[in-house]
Amino acid sequence: MTATTARTPEQAPGRNRRGEQGSAFTIALLVLLVLTIAGLALTLMTQTEMRIGANEREANRTFYAADSGINVSTGRTLWLGDSPQAIPPILLNTTQQDQNLSSPPPLTFSDQITVTPLWLLHTEYAYKASINQNQNPKYMNFTYIVNSTATRVGQSGPTASPYTQTMAQRIISAMVAIQPTPESINNFNPPSGLKQ
């Protein structure tokens, strides 16, 4: 004969032992809390990355607008010859262009480009140019300096001033060499402080 012992309900298989009641619920809540915190952190990181990307886009757009100003000044000099007259500011309504609208919307973003004329910095004969062999007049190298400033601005609604918020600004200076150029072209005097 074998003896069997009676088990109490707490000792029965599959039953929770004393002090372990609700532990699965607590663990589930902790896992849910960790997953929620991880989700919020990923959301915050995504929003930050989107802001960084938008700022970088604005900075690049402003840089290329300033770079185009240098090309405008160089092209003007090549087409019209040297001129000390200031180039009028160039305004590009980029919101209207991006959305292909016929009239500007109430919230607009624009690039304002201000460019100096090309200032003569240095002149010399183009000695190595084959065009100078037995030629009269001689051909020369002209080196100019130019500055271009692009400002990205935003305007919301009608205001007394056309541009209300500066978002980004880039200033680019460049030296431009134009060669070969006939010696007889009139070159204006550079601004004070620059040697001719």
C-alpha atoms as a PDB file:
ATOM      1  CA  MET A   1       0.000   0.000   0.000  1.00  0.00           C
ATOM      2  CA  THR A   2       1.121   3.366  -0.796  1.00  0.00           C
ATOM      3  CA  ALA A   3       0.422   6.462   1.094  1.00  0.00           C
ATOM      4  CA  THR A   4      -0.795   9.555  -0.651  1.00  0.00           C
ATOM      5  CA  THR A   5      -0.807  12.972   0.787  1.00  0.00           C
ATOM      6  CA  ALA A   6      -3.563  15.387   0.102  1.00  0.00           C
ATOM      7  CA  ARG A   7      -2.637  18.619  -1.556  1.00  0.00           C
ATOM      8  CA  THR A   8      -4.059  21.933  -0.634  1.00  0.00           C
ATOM      9  CA  PRO A   9      -5.478  24.179  -3.438  1.00  0.00           C
ATOM     10  CA  GLU A  10      -2.349  26.401  -3.255  1.00  0.00           C
ATOM     11  CA  GLN A  11      -0.117  23.399  -3.944  1.00  0.00           C
ATOM     12  CA  ALA A  12      -2.181  21.985  -6.784  1.00  0.00           C
ATOM     13  CA  PRO A  13      -0.365  21.931 -10.151  1.00  0.00           C
ATOM     14  CA  GLY A  14      -1.119  24.930 -12.421  1.00  0.00           C
ATOM     15  CA  ARG A  15      -2.077  27.149  -9.535  1.00  0.00           C
ATOM     16  CA  ASN A  16      -0.183  30.353  -8.596  1.00  0.00           C
ATOM     17  CA  ARG A  17       1.917  30.184  -5.540  1.00  0.00           C
ATOM     18  CA  ARG A  18       1.475  32.681  -2.823  1.00  0.00           C
ATOM     19  CA  GLY A  19       3.116  36.099  -3.743  1.00  0.00           C
ATOM     20  CA  GLU A  20       3.119  35.414  -7.513  1.00  0.00           C
ATOM     21  CA  GLN A  21      -0.417  36.527  -8.188  1.00  0.00           C
ATOM     22  CA  GLY A  22      -0.511  39.398 -10.842  1.00  0.00           C
ATOM     23  CA  SER A  23       3.171  39.170 -11.818  1.00  0.00           C
ATOM     24  CA  ALA A  24       2.337  38.503 -15.492  1.00  0.00           C
ATOM     25  CA  PHE A  25       0.189  41.641 -15.527  1.00  0.00           C
ATOM     26  CA  THR A  26       3.032  43.706 -14.042  1.00  0.00           C
ATOM     27  CA  ILE A  27       5.535  42.347 -16.575  1.00  0.00           C
ATOM     28  CA  ALA A  28       3.130  43.057 -19.442  1.00  0.00           C
ATOM     29  CA  LEU A  29       2.697  46.649 -18.225  1.00  0.00           C
ATOM     30  CA  LEU A  30       6.472  47.139 -18.004  1.00  0.00           C
ATOM     31  CA  VAL A  31       6.985  45.781 -21.544  1.00  0.00           C
ATOM     32  CA  LEU A  32       4.192  48.045 -22.812  1.00  0.00           C
ATOM     33  CA  LEU A  33       5.815  51.055 -21.065  1.00  0.00           C
ATOM     34  CA  VAL A  34       9.224  50.276 -22.638  1.00  0.00           C
ATOM     35  CA  LEU A  35       7.662  49.912 -26.103  1.00  0.00           C
ATOM     36  CA  THR A  36       5.762  53.200 -25.676  1.00  0.00           C
ATOM     37  CA  ILE A  37       8.933  55.055 -24.670  1.00  0.00           C
ATOM     38  CA  ALA A  38      10.817  53.558 -27.646  1.00  0.00           C
ATOM     39  CA  GLY A  39       8.002  54.593 -30.011  1.00  0.00           C
ATOM     40  CA  LEU A  40       7.964  58.155 -28.671  1.00  0.00           C
ATOM     41  CA  ALA A  41      11.757  58.390 -28.978  1.00  0.00           C
ATOM     42  CA  LEU A  42      11.618  57.217 -32.605  1.00  0.00           C
ATOM     43  CA  THR A  43       8.867  59.750 -33.353  1.00  0.00           C
ATOM     44  CA  LEU A  44      10.918  62.561 -31.824  1.00  0.00           C
ATOM     45  CA  MET A  45      14.024  61.503 -33.766  1.00  0.00           C
ATOM     46  CA  THR A  46      12.041  61.383 -37.018  1.00  0.00           C
ATOM     47  CA  GLN A  47      10.636  64.872 -36.456  1.00  0.00           C
ATOM     48  CA  THR A  48      14.114  66.212 -35.671  1.00  0.00           C
ATOM     49  CA  GLU A  49      15.554  64.612 -38.819  1.00  0.00           C
ATOM     50  CA  MET A  50      12.745  66.129 -40.896  1.00  0.00           C
ATOM     51  CA  ARG A  51      13.498  69.590 -39.492  1.00  0.00           C
ATOM     52  CA  ILE A  52      17.210  69.155 -40.180  1.00  0.00           C
ATOM     53  CA  GLY A  53      16.427  68.077 -43.744  1.00  0.00           C
ATOM     54  CA  ALA A  54      14.141  71.075 -44.288  1.00  0.00           C
ATOM     55  CA  ASN A  55      16.787  73.468 -42.941  1.00  0.00           C
ATOM     56  CA  GLU A  56      19.433  71.891 -45.165  1.00  0.00           C
ATOM     57  CA  ARG A  57      17.140  72.250 -48.174  1.00  0.00           C
ATOM     58  CA  GLU A  58      16.638  75.947 -47.412  1.00  0.00           C
ATOM     59  CA  ALA A  59      20.383  76.491 -46.970  1.00  0.00           C
ATOM     60  CA  ASN A  60      21.185  74.703 -50.255  1.00  0.00           C
ATOM     61  CA  ARG A  61      18.485  76.590 -52.099  1.00  0.00           C
ATOM     62  CA  THR A  62      19.859  79.887 -50.797  1.00  0.00           C
ATOM     63  CA  PHE A  63      23.440  78.910 -51.694  1.00  0.00           C
ATOM     64  CA  TYR A  64      22.497  78.075 -55.284  1.00  0.00           C
ATOM     65  CA  ALA A  65      20.490  81.293 -55.576  1.00  0.00           C
ATOM     66  CA  ALA A  66      23.609  83.271 -54.548  1.00  0.00           C
ATOM     67  CA  ASP A  67      25.699  81.236 -56.985  1.00  0.00           C
ATOM     68  CA  SER A  68      23.296  82.099 -59.802  1.00  0.00           C
ATOM     69  CA  GLY A  69      23.816  85.781 -58.972  1.00  0.00           C
ATOM     70  CA  ILE A  70      27.519  85.420 -59.793  1.00  0.00           C
ATOM     71  CA  ASN A  71      26.570  83.877 -63.133  1.00  0.00           C
ATOM     72  CA  VAL A  72      24.159  86.766 -63.806  1.00  0.00           C
ATOM     73  CA  SER A  73      26.884  89.337 -63.144  1.00  0.00           C
ATOM     74  CA  THR A  74      29.410  87.468 -65.306  1.00  0.00           C
ATOM     75  CA  GLY A  75      26.908  87.046 -68.126  1.00  0.00           C
ATOM     76  CA  ARG A  76      25.983  90.725 -67.936  1.00  0.00           C
ATOM     77  CA  THR A  77      29.649  91.696 -68.260  1.00  0.00           C
ATOM     78  CA  LEU A  78      30.197  89.363 -71.201  1.00  0.00           C
ATOM     79  CA  TRP A  79      27.055  90.572 -72.979  1.00  0.00           C
ATOM     80  CA  LEU A  80      27.107  94.303 -72.221  1.00  0.00           C
ATOM     81  CA  GLY A  81      30.758  94.966 -71.433  1.00  0.00           C
ATOM     82  CA  ASP A  82      32.039  96.476 -68.215  1.00  0.00           C
ATOM     83  CA  SER A  83      29.681  98.715 -66.311  1.00  0.00           C
ATOM     84  CA  PRO A  84      29.956 100.182 -62.818  1.00  0.00           C
ATOM     85  CA  GLN A  85      26.158 100.378 -62.507  1.00  0.00           C
ATOM     86  CA  ALA A  86      24.566  98.287 -59.811  1.00  0.00           C
ATOM     87  CA  ILE A  87      22.518  95.300 -60.874  1.00  0.00           C
ATOM     88  CA  PRO A  88      18.923  95.575 -59.624  1.00  0.00           C
ATOM     89  CA  PRO A  89      17.939  92.940 -57.025  1.00  0.00           C
ATOM     90  CA  ILE A  90      16.519  89.726 -58.445  1.00  0.00           C
ATOM     91  CA  LEU A  91      13.348  88.390 -56.797  1.00  0.00           C
ATOM     92  CA  LEU A  92      12.295  84.765 -57.247  1.00  0.00           C
ATOM     93  CA  ASN A  93       8.906  83.755 -55.832  1.00  0.00           C
ATOM     94  CA  THR A  94       9.742  80.109 -55.270  1.00  0.00           C
ATOM     95  CA  THR A  95       6.360  79.179 -53.751  1.00  0.00           C
ATOM     96  CA  GLN A  96       4.600  80.327 -56.884  1.00  0.00           C
ATOM     97  CA  GLN A  97       7.106  78.420 -59.063  1.00  0.00           C
ATOM     98  CA  ASP A  98       6.996  75.229 -56.974  1.00  0.00           C
ATOM     99  CA  GLN A  99       3.191  75.055 -56.993  1.00  0.00           C
ATOM    100  CA  ASN A 100       2.798  76.274 -60.613  1.00  0.00           C
ATOM    101  CA  LEU A 101       0.376  79.057 -59.620  1.00  0.00           C
ATOM    102  CA  SER A 102      -0.571  82.071 -61.725  1.00  0.00           C
ATOM    103  CA  SER A 103      -0.714  84.437 -58.717  1.00  0.00           C
ATOM    104  CA  PRO A 104       1.156  84.303 -55.410  1.00  0.00           C
ATOM    105  CA  PRO A 105      -0.595  82.544 -52.495  1.00  0.00           C
ATOM    106  CA  PRO A 106      -1.037  84.287 -49.092  1.00  0.00           C
ATOM    107  CA  LEU A 107       1.986  82.462 -47.615  1.00  0.00           C
ATOM    108  CA  THR A 108       4.973  82.813 -49.905  1.00  0.00           C
ATOM    109  CA  PHE A 109       8.685  82.070 -49.813  1.00  0.00           C
ATOM    110  CA  SER A 110      11.052  84.013 -52.036  1.00  0.00           C
ATOM    111  CA  ASP A 111      14.736  84.400 -52.762  1.00  0.00           C
ATOM    112  CA  GLN A 112      16.088  87.938 -53.005  1.00  0.00           C
ATOM    113  CA  ILE A 113      19.449  88.037 -54.795  1.00  0.00           C
ATOM    114  CA  THR A 114      21.686  91.109 -54.647  1.00  0.00           C
ATOM    115  CA  VAL A 115      24.750  91.113 -56.898  1.00  0.00           C
ATOM    116  CA  THR A 116      27.601  93.565 -57.322  1.00  0.00           C
ATOM    117  CA  PRO A 117      28.944  94.320 -60.784  1.00  0.00           C
ATOM    118  CA  LEU A 118      32.255  92.681 -61.635  1.00  0.00           C
ATOM    119  CA  TRP A 119      35.072  94.844 -60.202  1.00  0.00           C
ATOM    120  CA  LEU A 120      38.343  94.765 -62.057  1.00  0.00           C
ATOM    121  CA  LEU A 121      41.040  93.312 -59.835  1.00  0.00           C
ATOM    122  CA  HIS A 122      43.940  92.570 -62.190  1.00  0.00           C
ATOM    123  CA  THR A 123      44.893  92.821 -65.878  1.00  0.00           C
ATOM    124  CA  GLU A 124      47.730  91.243 -67.814  1.00  0.00           C
ATOM    125  CA  TYR A 125      48.555  90.259 -71.362  1.00  0.00           C
ATOM    126  CA  ALA A 126      47.608  86.722 -72.292  1.00  0.00           C
ATOM    127  CA  TYR A 127      51.172  85.750 -73.115  1.00  0.00           C
ATOM    128  CA  LYS A 128      50.532  82.047 -73.518  1.00  0.00           C
ATOM    129  CA  ALA A 129      47.445  82.478 -75.689  1.00  0.00           C
ATOM    130  CA  SER A 130      48.050  81.518 -79.288  1.00  0.00           C
ATOM    131  CA  ILE A 131      45.747  84.356 -80.343  1.00  0.00           C
ATOM    132  CA  ASN A 132      48.431  86.879 -79.282  1.00  0.00           C
ATOM    133  CA  GLN A 133      50.971  85.633 -81.827  1.00  0.00           C
ATOM    134  CA  ASN A 134      51.599  88.529 -84.229  1.00  0.00           C
ATOM    135  CA  GLN A 135      48.285  90.178 -83.368  1.00  0.00           C
ATOM    136  CA  ASN A 136      47.548  93.831 -82.882  1.00  0.00           C
ATOM    137  CA  PRO A 137      45.728  94.746 -80.645  1.00  0.00           C
ATOM    138  CA  LYS A 138      46.950  92.346 -78.031  1.00  0.00           C
ATOM    139  CA  TYR A 139      44.572  90.187 -76.044  1.00  0.00           C
ATOM    140  CA  MET A 140      44.494  90.303 -72.255  1.00  0.00           C
ATOM    141  CA  ASN A 141      43.383  88.385 -69.183  1.00  0.00           C
ATOM    142  CA  PHE A 142      41.019  90.337 -66.934  1.00  0.00           C
ATOM    143  CA  THR A 143      40.441  89.124 -63.377  1.00  0.00           C
ATOM    144  CA  TYR A 144      37.352  90.431 -61.596  1.00  0.00           C
ATOM    145  CA  ILE A 145      35.849  90.052 -58.157  1.00  0.00           C
ATOM    146  CA  VAL A 146      32.105  89.775 -57.546  1.00  0.00           C
ATOM    147  CA  ASN A 147      29.890  89.389 -54.474  1.00  0.00           C
ATOM    148  CA  SER A 148      26.436  87.838 -54.430  1.00  0.00           C
ATOM    149  CA  THR A 149      24.022  87.781 -51.492  1.00  0.00           C
ATOM    150  CA  ALA A 150      20.915  85.594 -51.480  1.00  0.00           C
ATOM    151  CA  THR A 151      18.315  85.942 -48.754  1.00  0.00           C
ATOM    152  CA  ARG A 152      15.497  83.414 -48.311  1.00  0.00           C
ATOM    153  CA  VAL A 153      12.481  85.269 -46.949  1.00  0.00           C
ATOM    154  CA  GLY A 154       8.907  84.403 -46.067  1.00  0.00           C
ATOM    155  CA  GLN A 155       5.786  86.545 -46.087  1.00  0.00           C
ATOM    156  CA  SER A 156       2.474  85.744 -44.545  1.00  0.00           C
ATOM    157  CA  GLY A 157      -0.465  87.772 -45.810  1.00  0.00           C
ATOM    158  CA  PRO A 158      -0.497  91.416 -46.883  1.00  0.00           C
ATOM    159  CA  THR A 159       1.908  93.628 -44.975  1.00  0.00           C
ATOM    160  CA  ALA A 160       3.380  97.087 -45.407  1.00  0.00           C
ATOM    161  CA  SER A 161       6.808  95.541 -45.927  1.00  0.00           C
ATOM    162  CA  PRO A 162       6.964  92.907 -48.681  1.00  0.00           C
ATOM    163  CA  TYR A 163       9.269  90.539 -46.730  1.00  0.00           C
ATOM    164  CA  THR A 164       8.668  89.839 -43.078  1.00  0.00           C
ATOM    165  CA  GLN A 165      10.856  86.900 -42.008  1.00  0.00           C
ATOM    166  CA  THR A 166      14.430  86.097 -43.035  1.00  0.00           C
ATOM    167  CA  MET A 167      14.915  82.330 -43.049  1.00  0.00           C
ATOM    168  CA  ALA A 168      18.409  81.928 -44.505  1.00  0.00           C
ATOM    169  CA  GLN A 169      21.153  84.064 -46.017  1.00  0.00           C
ATOM    170  CA  ARG A 170      24.288  83.211 -47.990  1.00  0.00           C
ATOM    171  CA  ILE A 171      27.043  85.523 -49.187  1.00  0.00           C
ATOM    172  CA  ILE A 172      29.390  84.280 -51.901  1.00  0.00           C
ATOM    173  CA  SER A 173      32.477  86.048 -53.220  1.00  0.00           C
ATOM    174  CA  ALA A 174      34.246  84.850 -56.332  1.00  0.00           C
ATOM    175  CA  MET A 175      37.098  85.775 -58.620  1.00  0.00           C
ATOM    176  CA  VAL A 176      36.220  85.505 -62.294  1.00  0.00           C
ATOM    177  CA  ALA A 177      38.849  85.478 -65.067  1.00  0.00           C
ATOM    178  CA  ILE A 178      37.755  86.456 -68.549  1.00  0.00           C
ATOM    179  CA  GLN A 179      40.242  85.731 -71.297  1.00  0.00           C
ATOM    180  CA  PRO A 180      41.236  86.366 -74.000  1.00  0.00           C
ATOM    181  CA  THR A 181      39.739  89.839 -74.255  1.00  0.00           C
ATOM    182  CA  PRO A 182      40.831  92.600 -76.642  1.00  0.00           C
ATOM    183  CA  GLU A 183      43.060  95.174 -75.020  1.00  0.00           C
ATOM    184  CA  SER A 184      40.834  98.026 -76.188  1.00  0.00           C
ATOM    185  CA  ILE A 185      37.847  97.221 -73.911  1.00  0.00           C
ATOM    186  CA  ASN A 186      37.113  99.967 -71.400  1.00  0.00           C
ATOM    187  CA  ASN A 187      37.488  98.794 -67.838  1.00  0.00           C
ATOM    188  CA  PHE A 188      36.018 100.874 -65.063  1.00  0.00           C
ATOM    189  CA  ASN A 189      37.937 101.720 -61.927  1.00  0.00           C
ATOM    190  CA  PRO A 190      37.466  99.360 -58.991  1.00  0.00           C
ATOM    191  CA  PRO A 191      35.956 100.638 -55.736  1.00  0.00           C
ATOM    192  CA  SER A 192      38.309 102.287 -53.260  1.00  0.00           C
ATOM    193  CA  GLY A 193      40.508  99.832 -51.411  1.00  0.00           C
ATOM    194  CA  LEU A 194      41.115  97.525 -54.384  1.00  0.00           C
ATOM    195  CA  LYS A 195      44.325  97.825 -56.426  1.00  0.00           C
ATOM    196  CA  GLN A 196      44.130  98.026 -60.167  1.00  0.00           C
END
